Amino acid sequence: MKKTGIIWIFFVVLFVNMATIALAQHNTMVKKIDYMNDKLTIVGMNDFMPFSDYVEGKAYGSRILRSAFLNPLVNTLKSHSVIWEPAHFNSFNNPKYDQLAFKTRFGEYNIFLGAYAHTKKFVGLELIYPAVVSNPIHIISLPENSEKIKNMDTLKNLRGLVVDAEAYDDFSARKIEELNVTHVATSYEAYEKLFTEQADYIIGGLYYNRMMSSRYGLDPFLSYSKQPLFKIPVFVALSKSTPKFSLYKKALEKAFSDPNFGNEVKAEILRMVEDELTQNSGIVPPSFVRKDEEKVEVPIIEDQQKPHGHVIEQKIETKSFDEVLEGI
């Protein structure tokens, strides 16, 4: 009986030890999943203000990422104890944004700020829904030309410009091409053609052009259409090659569904635009601006986002182009 009792005690102790080891392993696995502790690298387009761009950093020759998405996104990641870092680039060797999207697709970077749905450059990236902000695309003109622009027919008969440095989704790009616009490389070139009467209007993003034109002292002289041609939903995208991809996707979708997240992003847009305008106030415009050029009342940025809430998909496809242009 004593021998049998010793054997039973041995098996009980062995069982308890095995159960303790298994429980410890389980707790370790749960902890690792809960904290999602792989380091994520955040990247975005080089020139897509205020959704993402790169500015001079403190270190010589470096450029650092800034974005209206960045602070709200980082706060979300911190709440899950996620280790993160924004990508840094050399000032003289910035990759193009389609290269950045390609590298994100294959896992070199994990999170891409400023992607569009149904757009070839971003195929293969996981867009995080809902889109909490959109990029309003407007008709930009001189005040004396703004009354000429009433519908698609008038646009087709006027000389339009589109800047290749700006980013559009494929649908909007196709619609813009129907207007037979001329492509120019930079915003400065477009503004110069507008002021020297080589063009009648520019198609461009409200935020981007408010910020960019202020750098040349031109913001007070430009007139914007009362309504946007398009409101293109702008997304944060996740690489499908990211470890624990499904966990990150679920956490981000939950955060983005909270109205507070969208409000934080919109507040960041307002702050970034206002900071840029303040920083560039007093800049003397180029010589191609006539001395008698009249300053105009520019649109209030905050009105662009308030009535629309979460934008899930490109609604513009349900309307004809003329319907969208009516009332501009």
Protein backbone atom coordinates (compact mmCIF):
# COMPACT_ATOMS: atom_id res chain seq x y z
CA MET A 1 0.00 0.00 0.00
CA LYS A 2 2.87 2.35 0.80
CA LYS A 3 4.49 1.71 -2.56
CA THR A 4 1.17 2.32 -4.36
CA GLY A 5 0.67 5.55 -2.42
CA ILE A 6 4.12 6.83 -3.39
CA ILE A 7 3.39 6.11 -7.06
CA TRP A 8 0.11 8.02 -6.85
CA ILE A 9 1.83 10.99 -5.21
CA PHE A 10 4.47 10.95 -7.96
CA PHE A 11 1.82 11.09 -10.70
CA VAL A 12 -0.12 13.86 -8.93
CA VAL A 13 3.03 15.99 -8.61
CA LEU A 14 3.92 15.30 -12.24
CA PHE A 15 0.44 16.29 -13.37
CA VAL A 16 0.50 19.51 -11.34
CA ASN A 17 3.91 20.45 -12.76
CA MET A 18 2.77 19.81 -16.34
CA ALA A 19 -0.40 21.84 -15.79
CA THR A 20 1.64 24.73 -14.32
CA ILE A 21 4.02 24.73 -17.30
CA ALA A 22 1.12 24.64 -19.77
CA LEU A 23 -0.63 27.49 -17.97
CA ALA A 24 2.55 29.58 -17.95
CA GLN A 25 3.00 29.02 -21.69
CA HIS A 26 -0.64 29.95 -22.30
CA ASN A 27 -0.31 33.15 -20.27
CA THR A 28 2.85 34.07 -22.18
CA MET A 29 1.08 33.57 -25.52
CA VAL A 30 -1.93 35.58 -24.39
CA LYS A 31 0.30 38.40 -23.20
CA LYS A 32 2.13 38.51 -26.53
CA ILE A 33 -1.11 38.61 -28.51
CA ASP A 34 -2.72 41.22 -26.27
CA TYR A 35 0.19 43.61 -26.54
CA MET A 36 0.90 43.05 -30.24
CA ASN A 37 4.51 43.92 -29.51
CA ASP A 38 6.12 43.77 -32.95
CA LYS A 39 7.51 47.14 -34.04
CA LEU A 40 5.44 48.86 -36.75
CA THR A 41 6.94 51.32 -39.22
CA ILE A 42 4.69 54.15 -40.41
CA VAL A 43 5.14 55.76 -43.82
CA GLY A 44 3.18 58.10 -46.11
CA MET A 45 3.29 60.07 -49.34
CA ASN A 46 6.07 62.61 -49.69
CA ASP A 47 3.85 65.53 -50.69
CA PHE A 48 0.23 65.02 -49.70
CA MET A 49 -0.44 67.77 -47.16
CA PRO A 50 -2.02 67.48 -44.64
CA PHE A 51 -2.56 63.72 -44.93
CA SER A 52 1.15 63.00 -45.10
CA ASP A 53 4.37 64.68 -46.11
CA TYR A 54 7.96 64.99 -44.98
CA VAL A 55 9.55 68.04 -43.37
CA GLU A 56 13.12 68.86 -42.42
CA GLY A 57 14.16 67.13 -39.22
CA LYS A 58 16.60 68.29 -36.58
CA ALA A 59 19.35 66.01 -37.85
CA TYR A 60 21.16 67.31 -40.91
CA GLY A 61 19.89 65.86 -44.15
CA SER A 62 16.93 64.02 -42.61
CA ARG A 63 13.26 64.35 -43.39
CA ILE A 64 10.57 63.26 -40.95
CA LEU A 65 6.96 62.22 -41.45
CA ARG A 66 4.07 64.46 -40.43
CA SER A 67 0.39 63.76 -40.98
CA ALA A 68 -3.05 64.67 -39.69
CA PHE A 69 -3.41 60.93 -39.02
CA LEU A 70 -0.16 60.55 -37.09
CA ASN A 71 -0.95 61.74 -33.54
CA PRO A 72 -4.42 60.11 -33.30
CA LEU A 73 -2.99 56.90 -34.78
CA VAL A 74 -0.04 56.86 -32.40
CA ASN A 75 -2.39 57.35 -29.45
CA THR A 76 -4.34 54.30 -30.60
CA LEU A 77 -1.18 52.23 -30.96
CA LYS A 78 0.03 53.31 -27.53
CA SER A 79 -3.25 52.18 -25.98
CA HIS A 80 -2.35 48.67 -27.18
CA SER A 81 1.29 49.04 -26.07
CA VAL A 82 2.38 48.79 -29.70
CA ILE A 83 5.98 49.73 -30.49
CA TRP A 84 6.04 52.06 -33.51
CA GLU A 85 8.33 54.38 -35.44
CA PRO A 86 7.81 56.75 -38.38
CA ALA A 87 10.06 56.15 -41.37
CA HIS A 88 12.82 58.75 -41.91
CA PHE A 89 14.37 59.57 -45.27
CA ASN A 90 17.39 61.44 -46.51
CA SER A 91 16.51 64.89 -47.85
CA PHE A 92 18.01 64.12 -51.24
CA ASN A 93 16.74 60.59 -51.69
CA ASN A 94 13.01 60.49 -50.96
CA PRO A 95 11.29 57.54 -52.68
CA LYS A 96 8.18 58.30 -54.71
CA TYR A 97 4.89 57.50 -53.04
CA ASP A 98 4.07 54.64 -55.41
CA GLN A 99 7.39 53.05 -54.38
CA LEU A 100 6.44 53.52 -50.75
CA ALA A 101 3.07 51.87 -51.38
CA PHE A 102 4.83 48.99 -53.14
CA LYS A 103 7.26 48.51 -50.25
CA THR A 104 4.38 48.63 -47.75
CA ARG A 105 2.53 45.96 -49.73
CA PHE A 106 5.45 43.58 -49.27
CA GLY A 107 6.05 44.36 -45.62
CA GLU A 108 9.08 46.66 -45.64
CA TYR A 109 6.76 49.21 -43.99
CA ASN A 110 3.64 48.32 -42.01
CA ILE A 111 1.29 51.32 -42.06
CA PHE A 112 0.73 53.69 -45.00
CA LEU A 113 -0.97 57.06 -44.38
CA GLY A 114 -3.07 58.58 -47.14
CA ALA A 115 -4.28 55.77 -49.43
CA TYR A 116 -7.29 55.80 -51.76
CA ALA A 117 -9.82 53.03 -52.42
CA HIS A 118 -10.18 51.47 -55.90
CA THR A 119 -6.85 52.91 -57.00
CA LYS A 120 -4.18 50.88 -58.76
CA LYS A 121 -1.24 52.27 -56.78
CA PHE A 122 -2.75 50.95 -53.54
CA VAL A 123 -3.89 47.51 -54.70
CA GLY A 124 -2.79 44.90 -52.17
CA LEU A 125 -2.91 47.21 -49.16
CA GLU A 126 -5.59 46.64 -46.52
CA LEU A 127 -7.57 49.86 -46.15
CA ILE A 128 -8.87 50.45 -42.64
CA TYR A 129 -12.58 51.35 -42.69
CA PRO A 130 -14.26 53.65 -42.07
CA ALA A 131 -12.45 56.53 -43.75
CA VAL A 132 -12.71 59.30 -41.16
CA VAL A 133 -11.80 62.18 -43.52
CA SER A 134 -11.89 62.97 -47.22
CA ASN A 135 -9.82 65.11 -49.56
CA PRO A 136 -12.06 67.85 -51.04
CA ILE A 137 -11.05 68.64 -54.65
CA HIS A 138 -12.05 72.13 -55.79
CA ILE A 139 -11.90 74.42 -58.80
CA ILE A 140 -9.31 77.13 -58.09
CA SER A 141 -9.33 80.34 -60.11
CA LEU A 142 -8.77 84.07 -59.97
CA PRO A 143 -11.78 86.01 -58.66
CA GLU A 144 -12.60 87.52 -62.06
CA ASN A 145 -12.85 84.04 -63.60
CA SER A 146 -14.87 82.33 -60.88
CA GLU A 147 -18.23 83.49 -62.29
CA LYS A 148 -17.48 81.80 -65.62
CA ILE A 149 -17.45 78.32 -64.05
CA LYS A 150 -21.00 77.00 -63.77
CA ASN A 151 -21.12 73.47 -65.22
CA MET A 152 -19.13 70.87 -67.13
CA ASP A 153 -19.66 72.57 -70.50
CA THR A 154 -18.08 75.79 -69.30
CA LEU A 155 -15.13 73.88 -67.84
CA LYS A 156 -14.58 72.07 -71.14
CA ASN A 157 -14.47 75.40 -72.94
CA LEU A 158 -11.98 76.90 -70.47
CA ARG A 159 -8.29 76.19 -70.03
CA GLY A 160 -7.77 73.95 -67.03
CA LEU A 161 -4.67 72.69 -65.23
CA VAL A 162 -4.00 69.72 -63.00
CA VAL A 163 -0.81 69.37 -60.95
CA ASP A 164 0.94 66.02 -61.17
CA ALA A 165 2.40 66.48 -57.68
CA GLU A 166 -1.10 66.06 -56.24
CA ALA A 167 -2.69 62.65 -55.67
CA TYR A 168 -6.10 61.49 -56.89
CA ASP A 169 -8.00 58.24 -56.83
CA ASP A 170 -8.42 56.53 -60.22
CA PHE A 171 -12.08 57.49 -60.56
CA SER A 172 -11.48 61.21 -60.02
CA ALA A 173 -8.43 61.13 -62.29
CA ARG A 174 -10.53 59.67 -65.12
CA LYS A 175 -13.21 62.32 -64.66
CA ILE A 176 -10.62 65.10 -64.64
CA GLU A 177 -9.13 63.83 -67.91
CA GLU A 178 -12.55 64.23 -69.57
CA LEU A 179 -12.06 67.98 -69.23
CA ASN A 180 -8.94 67.91 -71.44
CA VAL A 181 -6.86 69.64 -68.79
CA THR A 182 -3.16 70.37 -69.20
CA HIS A 183 -0.77 68.67 -66.78
CA VAL A 184 1.95 70.65 -65.03
CA ALA A 185 4.61 69.34 -62.68
CA THR A 186 4.29 71.69 -59.72
CA SER A 187 1.78 73.97 -58.01
CA TYR A 188 4.06 76.97 -58.58
CA GLU A 189 3.93 76.38 -62.33
CA ALA A 190 0.13 76.15 -62.18
CA TYR A 191 -0.20 79.37 -60.17
CA GLU A 192 2.09 81.19 -62.57
CA LYS A 193 0.04 80.10 -65.59
CA LEU A 194 -3.15 81.15 -63.79
CA PHE A 195 -1.90 84.63 -62.93
CA THR A 196 -0.34 85.23 -66.35
CA GLU A 197 -3.65 84.31 -68.05
CA GLN A 198 -2.32 81.14 -69.69
CA ALA A 199 -5.01 79.16 -67.85
CA ASP A 200 -8.48 79.81 -66.43
CA TYR A 201 -8.60 77.37 -63.54
CA ILE A 202 -6.75 74.71 -61.58
CA ILE A 203 -8.27 71.49 -60.24
CA GLY A 204 -6.78 70.71 -56.84
CA GLY A 205 -7.20 69.80 -53.20
CA LEU A 206 -8.46 72.53 -50.89
CA TYR A 207 -6.09 71.72 -48.02
CA TYR A 208 -3.08 71.12 -50.25
CA ASN A 209 -3.51 74.36 -52.19
CA ARG A 210 -4.28 76.50 -49.16
CA MET A 211 -1.00 75.30 -47.63
CA MET A 212 1.07 75.32 -50.82
CA SER A 213 -0.12 78.70 -52.13
CA SER A 214 0.63 80.28 -48.74
CA ARG A 215 4.29 79.36 -49.24
CA TYR A 216 4.37 81.71 -52.22
CA GLY A 217 2.23 84.44 -50.66
CA LEU A 218 -0.62 83.61 -53.07
CA ASP A 219 -3.30 82.22 -50.77
CA PRO A 220 -5.20 85.52 -50.34
CA PHE A 221 -5.51 85.98 -54.13
CA LEU A 222 -7.08 82.64 -55.09
CA SER A 223 -10.80 81.88 -55.35
CA TYR A 224 -12.16 78.40 -54.55
CA SER A 225 -15.39 76.87 -55.78
CA LYS A 226 -18.16 76.88 -53.17
CA GLN A 227 -18.59 73.13 -53.49
CA PRO A 228 -15.95 70.46 -54.15
CA LEU A 229 -15.89 68.50 -57.39
CA PHE A 230 -15.03 65.39 -55.39
CA LYS A 231 -14.64 64.40 -51.77
CA ILE A 232 -12.18 61.53 -52.00
CA PRO A 233 -12.11 59.29 -48.89
CA VAL A 234 -8.58 59.09 -47.47
CA PHE A 235 -7.50 55.93 -45.65
CA VAL A 236 -4.87 54.54 -43.36
CA ALA A 237 -3.65 51.29 -44.95
CA LEU A 238 -2.09 48.24 -43.34
CA SER A 239 0.39 45.84 -44.94
CA LYS A 240 -1.02 42.32 -45.12
CA SER A 241 2.54 41.09 -44.49
CA THR A 242 2.48 42.58 -40.98
CA PRO A 243 2.83 39.97 -38.19
CA LYS A 244 -0.48 39.54 -36.33
CA PHE A 245 -2.15 41.39 -39.22
CA SER A 246 -5.70 40.41 -38.21
CA LEU A 247 -5.20 41.68 -34.65
CA TYR A 248 -3.92 45.06 -35.80
CA LYS A 249 -6.71 45.36 -38.34
CA LYS A 250 -9.35 44.63 -35.71
CA ALA A 251 -7.85 47.12 -33.24
CA LEU A 252 -7.61 49.90 -35.84
CA GLU A 253 -11.12 49.32 -37.18
CA LYS A 254 -12.49 49.59 -33.66
CA ALA A 255 -10.58 52.83 -33.05
CA PHE A 256 -11.60 54.37 -36.39
CA SER A 257 -15.26 53.59 -35.72
CA ASP A 258 -15.16 55.84 -32.66
CA PRO A 259 -16.29 59.35 -33.74
CA ASN A 260 -13.64 60.80 -31.40
CA PHE A 261 -10.90 59.40 -33.64
CA GLY A 262 -12.30 61.16 -36.71
CA ASN A 263 -12.70 64.37 -34.73
CA GLU A 264 -9.06 64.18 -33.66
CA VAL A 265 -7.92 63.77 -37.28
CA LYS A 266 -10.07 66.70 -38.41
CA ALA A 267 -8.69 68.84 -35.58
CA GLU A 268 -5.19 67.95 -36.74
CA ILE A 269 -6.07 69.03 -40.30
CA LEU A 270 -7.26 72.42 -39.04
CA ARG A 271 -4.17 72.83 -36.89
CA MET A 272 -1.75 71.90 -39.67
CA VAL A 273 -3.39 74.21 -42.22
CA GLU A 274 -3.61 77.12 -39.78
CA ASP A 275 -0.01 76.60 -38.67
CA GLU A 276 1.15 76.69 -42.29
CA LEU A 277 -0.86 79.83 -43.06
CA THR A 278 0.45 81.57 -39.93
CA GLN A 279 4.02 80.54 -40.62
CA ASN A 280 3.82 81.89 -44.19
CA SER A 281 1.91 85.09 -43.46
CA GLY A 282 3.65 88.16 -44.83
CA ILE A 283 5.45 86.37 -47.66
CA VAL A 284 5.70 88.65 -50.68
CA PRO A 285 4.04 87.04 -53.74
CA PRO A 286 6.02 86.48 -56.95
CA SER A 287 6.36 89.22 -59.55
CA PHE A 288 3.72 87.66 -61.80
CA VAL A 289 1.01 88.83 -59.35
CA ARG A 290 -0.24 92.24 -60.51
CA LYS A 291 -0.21 95.07 -58.00
CA ASP A 292 -3.91 95.64 -58.56
CA GLU A 293 -4.75 91.97 -57.84
CA GLU A 294 -7.59 91.80 -55.36
CA LYS A 295 -7.48 89.69 -52.22
CA VAL A 296 -10.46 87.35 -51.87
CA GLU A 297 -12.31 85.68 -49.03
CA VAL A 298 -10.96 82.13 -48.83
CA PRO A 299 -13.11 79.20 -47.66
CA ILE A 300 -13.27 78.23 -44.01
CA ILE A 301 -11.55 74.87 -43.78
CA GLU A 302 -13.65 73.45 -40.94
CA ASP A 303 -16.87 73.64 -43.00
CA GLN A 304 -15.54 70.99 -45.38
CA GLN A 305 -15.81 68.06 -42.98
CA LYS A 306 -18.54 68.80 -40.42
CA PRO A 307 -21.73 67.77 -42.28
CA HIS A 308 -20.43 64.53 -43.71
CA GLY A 309 -19.37 62.23 -40.87
CA HIS A 310 -17.72 58.95 -41.87
CA VAL A 311 -17.20 58.56 -45.60
CA ILE A 312 -17.20 54.89 -46.46
CA GLU A 313 -16.90 54.90 -50.24
CA GLN A 314 -16.72 57.21 -53.24
CA LYS A 315 -20.30 58.48 -53.47
CA ILE A 316 -19.58 60.61 -56.51
CA GLU A 317 -20.17 57.65 -58.84
CA THR A 318 -23.91 57.79 -58.17
CA LYS A 319 -24.15 61.26 -59.76
CA SER A 320 -23.45 62.66 -63.19
CA PHE A 321 -20.53 65.04 -63.45
CA ASP A 322 -22.91 67.89 -64.31
CA GLU A 323 -24.88 67.30 -61.10
CA VAL A 324 -21.70 67.61 -59.08
CA LEU A 325 -20.66 70.81 -60.83
CA GLU A 326 -24.03 72.50 -60.44
CA GLY A 327 -23.89 75.28 -57.89
CA ILE A 328 -20.11 75.68 -57.93
